[in-house]
Amino acid sequence: MRSVPREDKNVRKAKRIAKVLVLLALGFIFWLIRGHKDETVVPVQPMQLIELSFEQFVPPQSAPEPQPEEKRLLAEDSDLKTAPEPE
């Protein structure tokens, strides 16, 4: 049996890999072209017209200004009594 030189084995291996890569590339291109066709039909509805008029515009009413709250100390509302200051 005659042994094949090592270079020939590497060349054959490279050719096989190149063929596989070319076939994969062609399959991918075919998939891109044919695989993404979406055949679902979406019904088209007629456009709706919206009538606008400046006569219908009502400016927003301003909110009443809040009344300032009376500031009180919490101690005035408390039931606790403070001790008288020592003399």
C-alpha atoms as a PDB file:
ATOM      1  CA  MET A   1       0.000   0.000   0.000  1.00  0.00           C
ATOM      2  CA  ARG A   2       1.332   3.348  -1.008  1.00  0.00           C
ATOM      3  CA  SER A   3       1.211   6.081   1.652  1.00  0.00           C
ATOM      4  CA  VAL A   4      -0.028   9.476   0.609  1.00  0.00           C
ATOM      5  CA  PRO A   5       2.363  12.331   1.379  1.00  0.00           C
ATOM      6  CA  ARG A   6       1.309  14.551   4.275  1.00  0.00           C
ATOM      7  CA  GLU A   7       0.924  17.648   2.078  1.00  0.00           C
ATOM      8  CA  ASP A   8      -1.611  15.898  -0.115  1.00  0.00           C
ATOM      9  CA  LYS A   9      -3.706  14.980   2.939  1.00  0.00           C
ATOM     10  CA  ASN A  10      -3.722  18.609   4.101  1.00  0.00           C
ATOM     11  CA  VAL A  11      -4.652  19.844   0.627  1.00  0.00           C
ATOM     12  CA  ARG A  12      -7.546  17.371   0.415  1.00  0.00           C
ATOM     13  CA  LYS A  13      -8.721  18.377   3.883  1.00  0.00           C
ATOM     14  CA  ALA A  14      -8.597  22.077   2.945  1.00  0.00           C
ATOM     15  CA  LYS A  15     -10.557  21.410  -0.260  1.00  0.00           C
ATOM     16  CA  ARG A  16     -13.238  19.519   1.686  1.00  0.00           C
ATOM     17  CA  ILE A  17     -13.524  22.370   4.200  1.00  0.00           C
ATOM     18  CA  ALA A  18     -13.751  24.911   1.364  1.00  0.00           C
ATOM     19  CA  LYS A  19     -16.549  22.916  -0.320  1.00  0.00           C
ATOM     20  CA  VAL A  20     -18.498  22.722   2.930  1.00  0.00           C
ATOM     21  CA  LEU A  21     -18.112  26.462   3.525  1.00  0.00           C
ATOM     22  CA  VAL A  22     -19.263  27.265  -0.021  1.00  0.00           C
ATOM     23  CA  LEU A  23     -22.307  25.009   0.365  1.00  0.00           C
ATOM     24  CA  LEU A  24     -23.152  26.604   3.719  1.00  0.00           C
ATOM     25  CA  ALA A  25     -22.842  30.091   2.205  1.00  0.00           C
ATOM     26  CA  LEU A  26     -25.097  29.143  -0.709  1.00  0.00           C
ATOM     27  CA  GLY A  27     -27.636  27.622   1.662  1.00  0.00           C
ATOM     28  CA  PHE A  28     -27.605  30.758   3.808  1.00  0.00           C
ATOM     29  CA  ILE A  29     -28.123  32.995   0.761  1.00  0.00           C
ATOM     30  CA  PHE A  30     -31.000  30.789  -0.413  1.00  0.00           C
ATOM     31  CA  TRP A  31     -32.511  30.924   3.074  1.00  0.00           C
ATOM     32  CA  LEU A  32     -32.243  34.721   3.132  1.00  0.00           C
ATOM     33  CA  ILE A  33     -33.951  35.061  -0.231  1.00  0.00           C
ATOM     34  CA  ARG A  34     -36.673  32.434   0.124  1.00  0.00           C
ATOM     35  CA  GLY A  35     -37.029  31.851   3.849  1.00  0.00           C
ATOM     36  CA  HIS A  36     -38.316  35.262   4.951  1.00  0.00           C
ATOM     37  CA  LYS A  37     -41.394  35.541   2.774  1.00  0.00           C
ATOM     38  CA  ASP A  38     -44.363  36.306   4.966  1.00  0.00           C
ATOM     39  CA  GLU A  39     -47.517  35.328   3.140  1.00  0.00           C
ATOM     40  CA  THR A  40     -50.034  36.566   5.702  1.00  0.00           C
ATOM     41  CA  VAL A  41     -52.325  39.180   4.220  1.00  0.00           C
ATOM     42  CA  VAL A  42     -53.126  42.173   6.377  1.00  0.00           C
ATOM     43  CA  PRO A  43     -56.397  43.855   5.426  1.00  0.00           C
ATOM     44  CA  VAL A  44     -56.007  47.512   4.603  1.00  0.00           C
ATOM     45  CA  GLN A  45     -58.545  49.807   6.220  1.00  0.00           C
ATOM     46  CA  PRO A  46     -59.489  53.128   4.650  1.00  0.00           C
ATOM     47  CA  MET A  47     -57.986  56.180   6.274  1.00  0.00           C
ATOM     48  CA  GLN A  48     -60.145  57.977   8.793  1.00  0.00           C
ATOM     49  CA  LEU A  49     -60.519  61.711   8.448  1.00  0.00           C
ATOM     50  CA  ILE A  50     -60.385  63.869  11.555  1.00  0.00           C
ATOM     51  CA  GLU A  51     -61.980  67.288  11.448  1.00  0.00           C
ATOM     52  CA  LEU A  52     -60.229  69.979  13.449  1.00  0.00           C
ATOM     53  CA  SER A  53     -61.512  73.439  14.168  1.00  0.00           C
ATOM     54  CA  PHE A  54     -60.120  76.291  16.216  1.00  0.00           C
ATOM     55  CA  GLU A  55     -63.618  77.214  17.364  1.00  0.00           C
ATOM     56  CA  GLN A  56     -63.799  74.110  19.530  1.00  0.00           C
ATOM     57  CA  PHE A  57     -60.697  74.987  21.506  1.00  0.00           C
ATOM     58  CA  VAL A  58     -61.372  75.831  25.160  1.00  0.00           C
ATOM     59  CA  PRO A  59     -58.426  77.168  27.146  1.00  0.00           C
ATOM     60  CA  PRO A  60     -57.803  75.303  30.391  1.00  0.00           C
ATOM     61  CA  GLN A  61     -59.088  76.967  33.537  1.00  0.00           C
ATOM     62  CA  SER A  62     -56.485  77.905  36.077  1.00  0.00           C
ATOM     63  CA  ALA A  63     -56.655  76.149  39.420  1.00  0.00           C
ATOM     64  CA  PRO A  64     -57.363  78.337  42.473  1.00  0.00           C
ATOM     65  CA  GLU A  65     -54.290  79.336  44.405  1.00  0.00           C
ATOM     66  CA  PRO A  66     -53.841  77.291  47.588  1.00  0.00           C
ATOM     67  CA  GLN A  67     -54.315  79.191  50.835  1.00  0.00           C
ATOM     68  CA  PRO A  68     -51.177  79.363  52.964  1.00  0.00           C
ATOM     69  CA  GLU A  69     -51.484  77.175  56.032  1.00  0.00           C
ATOM     70  CA  GLU A  70     -51.051  78.659  59.469  1.00  0.00           C
ATOM     71  CA  LYS A  71     -47.796  77.483  61.008  1.00  0.00           C
ATOM     72  CA  ARG A  72     -48.079  76.252  64.587  1.00  0.00           C
ATOM     73  CA  LEU A  73     -45.743  74.507  66.942  1.00  0.00           C
ATOM     74  CA  LEU A  74     -46.509  70.885  67.662  1.00  0.00           C
ATOM     75  CA  ALA A  75     -45.947  71.523  71.367  1.00  0.00           C
ATOM     76  CA  GLU A  76     -49.112  73.618  71.474  1.00  0.00           C
ATOM     77  CA  ASP A  77     -51.196  70.603  70.416  1.00  0.00           C
ATOM     78  CA  SER A  78     -49.459  68.186  72.768  1.00  0.00           C
ATOM     79  CA  ASP A  79     -50.910  67.011  76.102  1.00  0.00           C
ATOM     80  CA  LEU A  80     -47.438  66.836  77.617  1.00  0.00           C
ATOM     81  CA  LYS A  81     -46.381  69.744  79.763  1.00  0.00           C
ATOM     82  CA  THR A  82     -42.843  70.978  79.939  1.00  0.00           C
ATOM     83  CA  ALA A  83     -41.065  71.420  83.216  1.00  0.00           C
ATOM     84  CA  PRO A  84     -40.654  75.000  84.371  1.00  0.00           C
ATOM     85  CA  GLU A  85     -37.228  76.436  83.957  1.00  0.00           C
ATOM     86  CA  PRO A  86     -35.144  76.332  87.167  1.00  0.00           C
ATOM     87  CA  GLU A  87     -34.377  79.702  88.714  1.00  0.00           C
END
